[in-house]
Amino acid sequence: MFSLLGNRSEEYNPYQSHGAGMIPTIWFRYDIMPITVKYTEHRQKLYTFITSICAVVGGSFTVASIIDSLVFSTRELFKKFEMGKLT
């Protein structure tokens, strides 16, 4: 494997041992440039706000009806079990 350094090339041998006082190292150099975040706030339109409110209310009713259905089904199952009609 060869590494080109300017006008000269240098052979790299990964199996060559280092000197007694040398520690293998790896260097990472990052060029950290400042990043600018531009934040602009826009007012929400009325129909978008109303649509969002309707979505939240509709989702709440849906979750409530699912929970109600599970509670009702479980209660009916226990009633059948108590009466001995569960097969």
Foldseek 3Di string as FASTA:
>chain_A
DWDDDPPDIDDDDPPDDDDPPDDDDDDDDDDDDDDDDDDDDDDDDPVVVVVVVVVVVVVVVVVVVVVVVVVVVVVVVVVCVVVVNDD
